[in-house]
């Protein structure tokens, strides 16, 4: 999705070229884009013989949906469990936790 947002309007080839080395095969990228299209994250239009893809969703909305699904599937729909997991695994520092609390209090 990041590549599609960056390019705004592109074909599979342009996405592949934008990705870092080692670049995935064209067919892999095409399959991923097709899955994004099926989920209505990407819009597809015919341009001659090729297809052109555009973002169909804003990045902020995409993050919201993906993170909600992640929390639902892996943390029993509990953001508290997710934060606790990362805190226990020491992925969040004490300062990070304080900042999270400050944001919540706002």
N, C-alpha and C. Protein backbone atom coordinates (compact mmCIF):
# COMPACT_ATOMS: atom_id res chain seq x y z
N UNK A 1 0.82 -1.19 0.00
CA UNK A 1 0.00 0.00 0.00
C UNK A 1 0.86 1.25 0.00
N UNK A 2 1.99 1.20 0.73
CA UNK A 2 2.85 2.39 0.78
C UNK A 2 3.30 2.78 -0.62
N UNK A 3 3.67 1.79 -1.43
CA UNK A 3 4.12 2.08 -2.79
C UNK A 3 2.99 2.67 -3.62
N UNK A 4 1.79 2.15 -3.46
CA UNK A 4 0.65 2.64 -4.24
C UNK A 4 0.28 4.06 -3.81
N UNK A 5 0.34 4.33 -2.51
CA UNK A 5 0.09 5.72 -2.07
C UNK A 5 1.16 6.65 -2.63
N UNK A 6 2.39 6.19 -2.60
CA UNK A 6 3.49 7.03 -3.09
C UNK A 6 3.36 7.31 -4.58
N UNK A 7 3.03 6.29 -5.36
CA UNK A 7 2.93 6.44 -6.81
C UNK A 7 1.60 7.07 -7.24
N UNK A 8 0.57 6.91 -6.44
CA UNK A 8 -0.78 7.44 -6.66
C UNK A 8 -1.54 6.76 -7.80
N UNK A 9 -0.89 6.48 -8.88
CA UNK A 9 -1.49 5.80 -10.04
C UNK A 9 -0.37 4.99 -10.68
N UNK A 10 -0.55 3.66 -10.73
CA UNK A 10 0.58 2.83 -11.18
C UNK A 10 0.13 1.47 -11.68
N UNK A 11 1.05 0.82 -12.34
CA UNK A 11 0.89 -0.56 -12.73
C UNK A 11 1.74 -1.42 -11.81
N UNK A 12 1.60 -2.72 -11.95
CA UNK A 12 2.37 -3.65 -11.10
C UNK A 12 3.86 -3.43 -11.30
N UNK A 13 4.28 -3.20 -12.53
CA UNK A 13 5.71 -3.02 -12.83
C UNK A 13 6.29 -1.84 -12.05
N UNK A 14 5.55 -0.73 -11.98
CA UNK A 14 6.05 0.44 -11.25
C UNK A 14 6.19 0.15 -9.76
N UNK A 15 5.26 -0.64 -9.22
CA UNK A 15 5.35 -1.01 -7.80
C UNK A 15 6.60 -1.87 -7.58
N UNK A 16 6.81 -2.86 -8.43
CA UNK A 16 7.99 -3.73 -8.30
C UNK A 16 9.26 -2.89 -8.35
N UNK A 17 9.33 -1.96 -9.29
CA UNK A 17 10.54 -1.12 -9.44
C UNK A 17 10.79 -0.24 -8.22
N UNK A 18 9.74 0.13 -7.51
CA UNK A 18 9.88 1.00 -6.33
C UNK A 18 10.37 0.23 -5.10
N UNK A 19 10.16 -1.07 -5.09
CA UNK A 19 10.53 -1.89 -3.93
C UNK A 19 12.04 -2.11 -3.86
N UNK A 20 12.57 -2.24 -2.64
CA UNK A 20 14.01 -2.43 -2.48
C UNK A 20 14.46 -3.81 -2.94
N UNK A 21 15.74 -3.91 -3.22
CA UNK A 21 16.34 -5.21 -3.59
C UNK A 21 16.40 -6.10 -2.37
N UNK A 22 16.27 -7.37 -2.49
CA UNK A 22 15.87 -8.08 -3.71
C UNK A 22 14.37 -7.91 -3.96
N UNK A 23 14.06 -7.48 -5.15
CA UNK A 23 12.66 -7.22 -5.48
C UNK A 23 11.90 -8.54 -5.61
N UNK A 24 10.67 -8.56 -5.12
CA UNK A 24 9.86 -9.77 -5.28
C UNK A 24 9.47 -9.97 -6.73
N UNK A 25 9.10 -11.17 -7.11
CA UNK A 25 8.67 -11.41 -8.49
C UNK A 25 7.40 -10.61 -8.83
N UNK A 26 7.27 -10.27 -10.08
CA UNK A 26 6.12 -9.53 -10.61
C UNK A 26 4.82 -10.22 -10.18
N UNK A 27 4.78 -11.55 -10.32
CA UNK A 27 3.55 -12.29 -10.02
C UNK A 27 3.17 -12.18 -8.54
N UNK A 28 4.15 -12.12 -7.67
CA UNK A 28 3.89 -11.97 -6.24
C UNK A 28 3.26 -10.62 -5.95
N UNK A 29 3.83 -9.56 -6.54
CA UNK A 29 3.29 -8.21 -6.35
C UNK A 29 1.89 -8.12 -6.95
N UNK A 30 1.70 -8.71 -8.11
CA UNK A 30 0.37 -8.70 -8.75
C UNK A 30 -0.65 -9.39 -7.87
N UNK A 31 -0.27 -10.48 -7.24
CA UNK A 31 -1.17 -11.22 -6.35
C UNK A 31 -1.53 -10.38 -5.12
N UNK A 32 -0.54 -9.70 -4.55
CA UNK A 32 -0.79 -8.84 -3.39
C UNK A 32 -1.72 -7.70 -3.76
N UNK A 33 -1.48 -7.08 -4.90
CA UNK A 33 -2.34 -5.98 -5.35
C UNK A 33 -3.76 -6.49 -5.59
N UNK A 34 -3.88 -7.69 -6.14
CA UNK A 34 -5.21 -8.27 -6.36
C UNK A 34 -5.94 -8.48 -5.03
N UNK A 35 -5.22 -8.93 -4.01
CA UNK A 35 -5.83 -9.10 -2.68
C UNK A 35 -6.26 -7.75 -2.10
N UNK A 36 -5.43 -6.72 -2.29
CA UNK A 36 -5.79 -5.37 -1.82
C UNK A 36 -7.02 -4.85 -2.56
N UNK A 37 -7.11 -5.17 -3.84
CA UNK A 37 -8.28 -4.78 -4.64
C UNK A 37 -9.53 -5.49 -4.14
N UNK A 38 -9.40 -6.79 -3.86
CA UNK A 38 -10.53 -7.58 -3.37
C UNK A 38 -11.05 -7.03 -2.03
N UNK A 39 -10.15 -6.49 -1.22
CA UNK A 39 -10.52 -5.92 0.07
C UNK A 39 -10.95 -4.45 -0.04
N UNK A 40 -10.99 -3.93 -1.26
CA UNK A 40 -11.41 -2.56 -1.57
C UNK A 40 -10.43 -1.50 -1.03
N UNK A 41 -9.17 -1.86 -0.91
CA UNK A 41 -8.13 -0.90 -0.52
C UNK A 41 -7.53 -0.24 -1.76
N UNK A 42 -7.65 -0.91 -2.91
CA UNK A 42 -7.07 -0.44 -4.16
C UNK A 42 -8.15 -0.49 -5.24
N UNK A 43 -8.18 0.54 -6.08
CA UNK A 43 -9.10 0.58 -7.22
C UNK A 43 -8.34 0.22 -8.49
N UNK A 44 -8.98 -0.51 -9.37
CA UNK A 44 -8.36 -0.94 -10.62
C UNK A 44 -9.11 -0.35 -11.81
N UNK A 45 -8.35 0.17 -12.79
CA UNK A 45 -8.95 0.69 -14.02
C UNK A 45 -8.17 0.13 -15.19
N UNK A 46 -8.87 -0.13 -16.26
CA UNK A 46 -8.23 -0.63 -17.49
C UNK A 46 -7.67 0.56 -18.24
N UNK A 47 -6.41 0.45 -18.67
CA UNK A 47 -5.75 1.51 -19.44
C UNK A 47 -5.10 0.83 -20.65
N UNK A 48 -5.85 0.76 -21.75
CA UNK A 48 -5.38 0.00 -22.90
C UNK A 48 -5.41 -1.48 -22.56
N UNK A 49 -4.25 -2.15 -22.70
CA UNK A 49 -4.17 -3.57 -22.39
C UNK A 49 -3.80 -3.82 -20.93
N UNK A 50 -3.36 -2.80 -20.25
CA UNK A 50 -2.88 -2.96 -18.87
C UNK A 50 -3.89 -2.42 -17.87
N UNK A 51 -3.67 -2.78 -16.63
CA UNK A 51 -4.47 -2.24 -15.53
C UNK A 51 -3.65 -1.21 -14.77
N UNK A 52 -4.35 -0.19 -14.30
CA UNK A 52 -3.73 0.85 -13.49
C UNK A 52 -4.42 0.81 -12.14
N UNK A 53 -3.62 0.97 -11.10
CA UNK A 53 -4.13 0.88 -9.74
C UNK A 53 -3.96 2.21 -9.01
N UNK A 54 -4.93 2.51 -8.17
CA UNK A 54 -4.91 3.73 -7.36
C UNK A 54 -5.39 3.37 -5.96
N UNK A 55 -4.94 4.12 -4.96
CA UNK A 55 -5.45 3.87 -3.61
C UNK A 55 -6.96 4.16 -3.58
N UNK A 56 -7.69 3.29 -2.93
CA UNK A 56 -9.13 3.50 -2.78
C UNK A 56 -9.48 3.88 -1.35
N UNK A 57 -8.43 4.03 -0.53
CA UNK A 57 -8.63 4.31 0.88
C UNK A 57 -7.46 5.18 1.37
N UNK A 58 -7.75 6.08 2.27
CA UNK A 58 -6.70 6.93 2.84
C UNK A 58 -5.81 6.10 3.76
N UNK A 59 -4.57 6.52 3.89
CA UNK A 59 -3.62 5.79 4.72
C UNK A 59 -4.10 5.69 6.17
N UNK A 60 -4.66 6.76 6.69
CA UNK A 60 -5.14 6.74 8.09
C UNK A 60 -6.27 5.73 8.28
N UNK A 61 -7.19 5.64 7.34
CA UNK A 61 -8.28 4.67 7.42
C UNK A 61 -7.75 3.24 7.29
N UNK A 62 -6.79 3.05 6.40
CA UNK A 62 -6.17 1.73 6.22
C UNK A 62 -5.52 1.27 7.53
N UNK A 63 -4.75 2.16 8.15
CA UNK A 63 -4.08 1.81 9.42
C UNK A 63 -5.12 1.43 10.47
N UNK A 64 -6.20 2.20 10.53
CA UNK A 64 -7.25 1.94 11.51
C UNK A 64 -7.84 0.55 11.31
N UNK A 65 -8.16 0.21 10.07
CA UNK A 65 -8.76 -1.10 9.78
C UNK A 65 -7.79 -2.25 10.04
N UNK A 66 -6.56 -2.08 9.58
CA UNK A 66 -5.57 -3.14 9.75
C UNK A 66 -5.26 -3.37 11.23
N UNK A 67 -5.05 -2.29 11.97
CA UNK A 67 -4.73 -2.43 13.39
C UNK A 67 -5.91 -2.99 14.17
N UNK A 68 -7.12 -2.59 13.83
CA UNK A 68 -8.30 -3.15 14.51
C UNK A 68 -8.39 -4.65 14.28
N UNK A 69 -8.13 -5.07 13.05
CA UNK A 69 -8.13 -6.50 12.73
C UNK A 69 -7.03 -7.24 13.46
N UNK A 70 -5.87 -6.63 13.54
CA UNK A 70 -4.72 -7.23 14.24
C UNK A 70 -5.05 -7.42 15.72
N UNK A 71 -5.59 -6.39 16.34
CA UNK A 71 -5.93 -6.46 17.77
C UNK A 71 -7.05 -7.50 17.97
N UNK A 72 -8.02 -7.51 17.09
CA UNK A 72 -9.12 -8.48 17.19
C UNK A 72 -8.59 -9.92 17.07
N UNK A 73 -7.73 -10.16 16.09
CA UNK A 73 -7.28 -11.52 15.81
C UNK A 73 -6.22 -12.04 16.77
N UNK A 74 -5.37 -11.17 17.28
CA UNK A 74 -4.24 -11.63 18.09
C UNK A 74 -4.32 -11.26 19.57
N UNK A 75 -5.18 -10.32 19.91
CA UNK A 75 -5.25 -9.87 21.31
C UNK A 75 -6.69 -9.86 21.83
N UNK A 76 -7.52 -10.76 21.31
CA UNK A 76 -8.91 -10.90 21.75
C UNK A 76 -9.65 -9.57 21.80
N UNK A 77 -9.37 -8.74 20.82
CA UNK A 77 -10.03 -7.44 20.66
C UNK A 77 -9.76 -6.49 21.83
N UNK A 78 -8.59 -6.66 22.47
CA UNK A 78 -8.25 -5.83 23.62
C UNK A 78 -6.96 -5.05 23.37
N UNK A 79 -7.11 -3.74 23.23
CA UNK A 79 -5.92 -2.90 23.07
C UNK A 79 -5.07 -2.94 24.33
N UNK A 80 -5.72 -3.11 25.47
CA UNK A 80 -5.00 -3.24 26.74
C UNK A 80 -4.06 -4.45 26.70
N UNK A 81 -4.57 -5.58 26.20
CA UNK A 81 -3.73 -6.78 26.09
C UNK A 81 -2.56 -6.54 25.15
N UNK A 82 -2.80 -5.81 24.07
CA UNK A 82 -1.73 -5.53 23.12
C UNK A 82 -0.63 -4.68 23.77
N UNK A 83 -1.02 -3.61 24.44
CA UNK A 83 -0.03 -2.73 25.09
C UNK A 83 0.71 -3.51 26.18
N UNK A 84 -0.01 -4.32 26.95
CA UNK A 84 0.61 -5.12 27.99
C UNK A 84 1.62 -6.09 27.39
N UNK A 85 1.26 -6.71 26.28
CA UNK A 85 2.17 -7.64 25.60
C UNK A 85 3.48 -6.95 25.23
N UNK A 86 3.37 -5.78 24.60
CA UNK A 86 4.58 -5.08 24.17
C UNK A 86 5.37 -4.52 25.35
N UNK A 87 4.69 -4.14 26.41
CA UNK A 87 5.38 -3.66 27.61
C UNK A 87 6.16 -4.80 28.26
N UNK A 88 5.54 -5.97 28.40
CA UNK A 88 6.20 -7.13 29.00
C UNK A 88 7.37 -7.60 28.14
N UNK A 89 7.22 -7.49 26.85
CA UNK A 89 8.28 -7.92 25.92
C UNK A 89 9.35 -6.85 25.77
N UNK A 90 9.22 -5.77 26.54
CA UNK A 90 10.16 -4.66 26.56
C UNK A 90 10.30 -3.95 25.22
N UNK A 91 9.22 -3.94 24.47
CA UNK A 91 9.19 -3.19 23.21
C UNK A 91 8.72 -1.77 23.46
N UNK A 92 8.13 -1.55 24.64
CA UNK A 92 7.70 -0.22 25.05
C UNK A 92 8.47 0.15 26.30
N UNK A 93 9.08 1.30 26.27
CA UNK A 93 9.81 1.77 27.45
C UNK A 93 8.84 2.41 28.44
N UNK A 94 9.34 2.68 29.62
CA UNK A 94 8.54 3.38 30.61
C UNK A 94 8.10 4.74 30.07
N UNK A 95 9.00 5.41 29.37
CA UNK A 95 8.68 6.72 28.78
C UNK A 95 7.58 6.58 27.72
N UNK A 96 7.66 5.52 26.90
CA UNK A 96 6.61 5.28 25.91
C UNK A 96 5.25 5.13 26.59
N UNK A 97 5.23 4.36 27.67
CA UNK A 97 3.98 4.15 28.39
C UNK A 97 3.44 5.45 28.98
N UNK A 98 4.32 6.28 29.50
CA UNK A 98 3.89 7.59 30.02
C UNK A 98 3.27 8.43 28.91
N UNK A 99 3.91 8.42 27.74
CA UNK A 99 3.38 9.19 26.61
C UNK A 99 2.03 8.66 26.15
N UNK A 100 1.87 7.35 26.18
CA UNK A 100 0.57 6.75 25.82
C UNK A 100 -0.50 7.22 26.79
N UNK A 101 -0.17 7.19 28.08
CA UNK A 101 -1.12 7.64 29.10
C UNK A 101 -1.48 9.11 28.90
N UNK A 102 -0.48 9.95 28.58
CA UNK A 102 -0.74 11.36 28.32
C UNK A 102 -1.68 11.55 27.15
N UNK A 103 -1.47 10.77 26.09
CA UNK A 103 -2.35 10.87 24.91
C UNK A 103 -3.78 10.45 25.26
N UNK A 104 -3.89 9.41 26.06
CA UNK A 104 -5.23 8.92 26.46
C UNK A 104 -5.94 9.99 27.29
N UNK A 105 -5.20 10.63 28.18
CA UNK A 105 -5.79 11.63 29.06
C UNK A 105 -6.23 12.88 28.29
N UNK A 106 -5.65 13.13 27.15
CA UNK A 106 -6.05 14.29 26.34
C UNK A 106 -7.44 14.05 25.80
